[in-house]
Amino acid sequence: MSVLSSDLREALAKVGTSTLTGVLNKRGLRSMTLYDVWPIRPEQPRMVGLAFTMRFIPSREDKDGPASTSRSMVQPQAMEECPPGHVLMIDSRGDSRAASAGDLYVGRLKARGAAGIVTDGGFRDTDGVHKTGLPAYHRRPSSPPSPIAHRPVDLNLPIACGGVAVYPGDVVVGDRDAVLVIPPDIVEAVAQEALDTYAYEEFAEAEVARGRSLKGLFPVAGEEAKRDFEAWKARGRK
């Protein structure tokens, strides 16, 4: 059975990365958020899925130049093998001189039911990528074709992406703020704690809007705030 039920996916998408990073930090997990990786468009859907990985190494003219007869087929293979509900995580070594993928590859992932695509390099054809509807995250747009800088070499092995170690099967969450990974063995506990935290933050936000001081409210809840929070939940969050 998949580690991500529909309820778990919904919970992770609801709370967002800002809440999840706080929960992970409390557990001592401080290196889970990808560095310098952003959504191609702020308005794209949030992303939740399991990691399926691809790794690039630097290209070389005899292997990847115009006259080469040994072009790697790992990249199109990734688009055909990334399972539904998974996020294709690409190790591009932080190099956005050439594209990690374009709209046709991303469109194929979307058609096969993937949950998203992430690279610490760049995508080309970003208007087309956005039109596919698949959540996509990168460092910056990059028009040159992949072989100028990248050679895909393997699939579904541990990689680095955005300075974070990503293992196949990690839970990947992305929104307009960030992309992060969660170890699958703790994801249910992390999601529940994040939902609880999210509810309190919603309460605190409403209290601040009413003019309440942060003292005893946030970031540390005092006894009065805790009682008010329970009463707020009993009233149906009103």
Protein backbone atom coordinates (compact mmCIF):
# COMPACT_ATOMS: atom_id res chain seq x y z
CA MET A 1 0.00 0.00 0.00
CA SER A 2 1.24 3.49 -0.83
CA VAL A 3 2.66 5.50 2.03
CA LEU A 4 0.54 8.43 0.84
CA SER A 5 -3.19 7.99 1.29
CA SER A 6 -5.50 10.62 -0.16
CA ASP A 7 -6.08 12.01 3.35
CA LEU A 8 -2.33 12.25 3.97
CA ARG A 9 -1.75 13.99 0.64
CA GLU A 10 -4.53 16.46 1.45
CA ALA A 11 -3.10 17.18 4.89
CA LEU A 12 0.41 17.80 3.58
CA ALA A 13 -0.87 20.10 0.84
CA LYS A 14 -3.01 22.04 3.29
CA VAL A 15 -0.39 22.86 5.89
CA GLY A 16 2.30 24.00 3.47
CA THR A 17 6.06 24.04 3.70
CA SER A 18 6.35 26.82 6.28
CA THR A 19 4.54 24.72 8.88
CA LEU A 20 6.26 21.50 7.86
CA THR A 21 9.75 22.98 8.14
CA GLY A 22 8.98 24.01 11.71
CA VAL A 23 7.78 20.52 12.61
CA LEU A 24 10.82 18.91 10.98
CA ASN A 25 13.14 21.32 12.79
CA LYS A 26 11.68 20.26 16.14
CA ARG A 27 12.63 16.70 15.23
CA GLY A 28 16.21 17.73 14.47
CA LEU A 29 15.75 17.54 10.68
CA ARG A 30 17.22 20.83 9.48
CA SER A 31 18.50 19.91 6.01
CA MET A 32 15.26 18.95 4.28
CA THR A 33 14.41 22.12 2.33
CA LEU A 34 15.85 22.51 -1.17
CA TYR A 35 18.00 25.59 -1.64
CA ASP A 36 17.43 27.99 -4.54
CA VAL A 37 14.61 25.96 -6.11
CA TRP A 38 11.37 27.78 -6.98
CA PRO A 39 8.02 27.19 -8.70
CA ILE A 40 8.07 28.09 -12.38
CA ARG A 41 4.89 30.10 -11.73
CA PRO A 42 3.61 31.23 -8.30
CA GLU A 43 0.04 30.28 -9.18
CA GLN A 44 0.77 26.64 -9.99
CA PRO A 45 -0.89 23.93 -7.83
CA ARG A 46 0.76 22.66 -4.67
CA MET A 47 2.68 19.43 -4.99
CA VAL A 48 2.73 16.27 -2.88
CA GLY A 49 4.20 12.97 -4.02
CA LEU A 50 6.86 10.31 -3.62
CA ALA A 51 10.37 10.85 -4.98
CA PHE A 52 11.49 9.11 -8.16
CA THR A 53 15.00 10.26 -9.00
CA MET A 54 17.18 10.96 -12.03
CA ARG A 55 20.83 12.01 -12.00
CA PHE A 56 22.81 14.07 -14.49
CA ILE A 57 26.58 14.22 -14.79
CA PRO A 58 28.37 16.84 -16.91
CA SER A 59 28.11 16.21 -20.64
CA ARG A 60 31.17 15.57 -22.79
CA GLU A 61 31.51 16.29 -26.50
CA ASP A 62 32.42 12.74 -27.55
CA LYS A 63 29.39 11.36 -25.70
CA ASP A 64 26.82 14.13 -26.14
CA GLY A 65 28.00 16.31 -29.04
CA PRO A 66 26.14 16.66 -32.37
CA ALA A 67 28.15 13.83 -33.98
CA SER A 68 27.85 11.43 -31.05
CA THR A 69 26.24 8.03 -31.57
CA SER A 70 26.09 7.20 -27.85
CA ARG A 71 23.42 9.60 -26.63
CA SER A 72 21.88 8.46 -23.35
CA MET A 73 18.19 7.49 -23.39
CA VAL A 74 17.83 7.68 -19.61
CA GLN A 75 15.99 11.02 -19.77
CA PRO A 76 13.02 9.83 -21.90
CA GLN A 77 13.09 6.58 -19.93
CA ALA A 78 12.48 8.60 -16.76
CA MET A 79 9.34 10.11 -18.26
CA GLU A 80 8.03 6.63 -19.05
CA GLU A 81 8.95 5.00 -15.73
CA CYS A 82 8.20 7.65 -13.11
CA PRO A 83 5.15 6.09 -11.40
CA PRO A 84 1.81 7.86 -11.02
CA GLY A 85 1.66 9.96 -7.86
CA HIS A 86 5.44 10.41 -7.83
CA VAL A 87 7.60 13.50 -8.24
CA LEU A 88 10.52 13.27 -10.67
CA MET A 89 13.45 14.72 -8.72
CA ILE A 90 16.42 15.65 -10.93
CA ASP A 91 19.99 16.10 -9.78
CA SER A 92 21.34 18.74 -12.17
CA ARG A 93 24.26 19.67 -9.90
CA GLY A 94 22.78 23.15 -9.50
CA ASP A 95 23.72 23.84 -13.14
CA SER A 96 21.10 25.77 -15.12
CA ARG A 97 23.23 26.45 -18.22
CA ALA A 98 21.10 23.92 -20.10
CA ALA A 99 17.60 22.59 -19.57
CA SER A 100 16.82 19.64 -17.35
CA ALA A 101 13.56 19.06 -19.29
CA GLY A 102 11.03 20.86 -21.46
CA ASP A 103 7.31 20.96 -22.11
CA LEU A 104 7.08 17.66 -24.06
CA TYR A 105 8.81 15.67 -21.34
CA VAL A 106 6.74 17.37 -18.64
CA GLY A 107 3.57 16.86 -20.64
CA ARG A 108 4.31 13.14 -20.80
CA LEU A 109 4.78 13.02 -17.02
CA LYS A 110 1.46 14.80 -16.56
CA ALA A 111 -0.32 12.39 -18.90
CA ARG A 112 1.05 9.43 -16.94
CA GLY A 113 -0.23 10.79 -13.61
CA ALA A 114 2.95 12.12 -12.04
CA ALA A 115 2.59 14.52 -9.13
CA GLY A 116 5.33 16.96 -10.16
CA ILE A 117 8.87 17.56 -11.38
CA VAL A 118 11.77 19.26 -9.56
CA THR A 119 15.29 20.16 -10.66
CA ASP A 120 18.07 22.24 -9.18
CA GLY A 121 18.84 23.26 -12.77
CA GLY A 122 16.41 24.87 -15.20
CA PHE A 123 13.48 24.08 -17.49
CA ARG A 124 13.01 25.28 -21.04
CA ASP A 125 9.64 26.12 -22.65
CA THR A 126 8.31 27.25 -19.29
CA ASP A 127 5.06 28.61 -20.75
CA GLY A 128 4.42 25.16 -22.17
CA VAL A 129 5.47 23.48 -18.95
CA HIS A 130 3.01 25.62 -17.04
CA LYS A 131 0.22 24.81 -19.52
CA THR A 132 0.59 21.09 -18.76
CA GLY A 133 -0.73 21.79 -15.25
CA LEU A 134 2.01 19.72 -13.62
CA PRO A 135 3.69 21.44 -10.64
CA ALA A 136 7.27 22.21 -11.69
CA TYR A 137 10.14 23.67 -9.67
CA HIS A 138 13.57 24.80 -10.85
CA ARG A 139 16.40 27.26 -10.27
CA ARG A 140 15.66 29.47 -13.26
CA PRO A 141 14.51 29.14 -16.89
CA SER A 142 17.09 27.68 -19.27
CA SER A 143 16.54 27.51 -23.02
CA PRO A 144 19.61 25.54 -24.25
CA PRO A 145 19.00 21.80 -24.79
CA SER A 146 20.10 19.34 -22.11
CA PRO A 147 23.15 17.76 -23.85
CA ILE A 148 25.02 21.07 -23.79
CA ALA A 149 25.61 20.62 -20.06
CA HIS A 150 23.99 17.38 -18.88
CA ARG A 151 24.20 13.63 -19.45
CA PRO A 152 21.52 11.53 -17.69
CA VAL A 153 23.10 8.42 -16.21
CA ASP A 154 20.80 6.65 -13.77
CA LEU A 155 17.32 6.41 -12.27
CA ASN A 156 15.88 5.91 -8.82
CA LEU A 157 19.06 6.03 -6.79
CA PRO A 158 19.88 8.50 -3.98
CA ILE A 159 20.70 11.95 -5.38
CA ALA A 160 21.44 15.50 -4.30
CA CYS A 161 18.94 18.16 -5.34
CA GLY A 162 19.08 21.73 -4.14
CA GLY A 163 21.69 20.77 -1.58
CA VAL A 164 19.46 18.10 -0.02
CA ALA A 165 19.92 14.33 -0.04
CA VAL A 166 16.89 12.80 -1.75
CA TYR A 167 16.18 9.07 -1.52
CA PRO A 168 13.70 7.23 -3.73
CA GLY A 169 10.39 7.03 -1.89
CA ASP A 170 10.94 10.21 0.17
CA VAL A 171 7.81 12.30 0.50
CA VAL A 172 8.12 15.54 -1.47
CA VAL A 173 6.02 18.63 -0.72
CA GLY A 174 6.13 21.87 -2.67
CA ASP A 175 4.25 25.17 -2.62
CA ARG A 176 4.99 28.73 -3.68
CA ASP A 177 7.53 29.10 -0.85
CA ALA A 178 9.71 25.98 -1.09
CA VAL A 179 10.20 22.30 -1.83
CA LEU A 180 11.10 19.89 0.97
CA VAL A 181 11.43 16.19 1.59
CA ILE A 182 10.12 14.13 4.51
CA PRO A 183 11.37 10.65 5.45
CA PRO A 184 8.48 8.26 4.71
CA ASP A 185 8.75 6.44 8.04
CA ILE A 186 7.73 9.58 9.98
CA VAL A 187 5.45 11.30 7.49
CA GLU A 188 2.17 10.40 9.23
CA ALA A 189 3.39 11.76 12.57
CA VAL A 190 4.82 14.87 10.89
CA ALA A 191 1.55 15.50 9.05
CA GLN A 192 -0.54 15.19 12.22
CA GLU A 193 1.74 17.52 14.18
CA ALA A 194 1.70 19.95 11.26
CA LEU A 195 -2.12 19.91 11.16
CA ASP A 196 -2.22 20.67 14.89
CA THR A 197 0.30 23.47 14.44
CA TYR A 198 -1.59 24.83 11.44
CA ALA A 199 -4.80 24.99 13.47
CA TYR A 200 -3.11 26.93 16.26
CA GLU A 201 -1.51 29.30 13.76
CA GLU A 202 -4.92 29.92 12.21
CA PHE A 203 -6.27 30.75 15.66
CA ALA A 204 -3.31 33.01 16.46
CA GLU A 205 -3.67 34.84 13.15
CA ALA A 206 -7.31 35.59 13.93
CA GLU A 207 -6.41 36.79 17.42
CA VAL A 208 -3.70 39.11 16.09
CA ALA A 209 -6.17 40.51 13.55
CA ARG A 210 -8.47 41.33 16.49
CA GLY A 211 -5.66 43.28 18.16
CA ARG A 212 -4.28 40.70 20.59
CA SER A 213 -0.63 40.99 21.63
CA LEU A 214 1.85 38.31 20.60
CA LYS A 215 2.96 37.98 24.22
CA GLY A 216 1.76 34.63 25.51
CA LEU A 217 0.27 33.87 22.10
CA PHE A 218 3.10 33.25 19.64
CA PRO A 219 5.61 31.70 19.18
CA VAL A 220 5.08 30.20 22.65
CA ALA A 221 1.48 29.72 23.76
CA GLY A 222 0.72 30.62 27.35
CA GLU A 223 -1.95 28.94 29.45
CA GLU A 224 -4.55 31.59 28.62
CA ALA A 225 -3.90 31.23 24.90
CA LYS A 226 -4.17 27.46 25.17
CA ARG A 227 -7.56 27.74 26.89
CA ASP A 228 -8.75 30.25 24.29
CA PHE A 229 -7.56 27.97 21.53
CA GLU A 230 -9.55 25.02 22.87
CA ALA A 231 -12.63 27.21 23.18
CA TRP A 232 -12.10 28.45 19.62
CA LYS A 233 -12.00 24.86 18.34
CA ALA A 234 -15.13 24.00 20.34
CA ARG A 235 -16.94 26.90 18.63
CA GLY A 236 -16.08 25.49 15.24
CA ARG A 237 -13.01 27.70 14.73
CA LYS A 238 -14.97 30.92 15.07
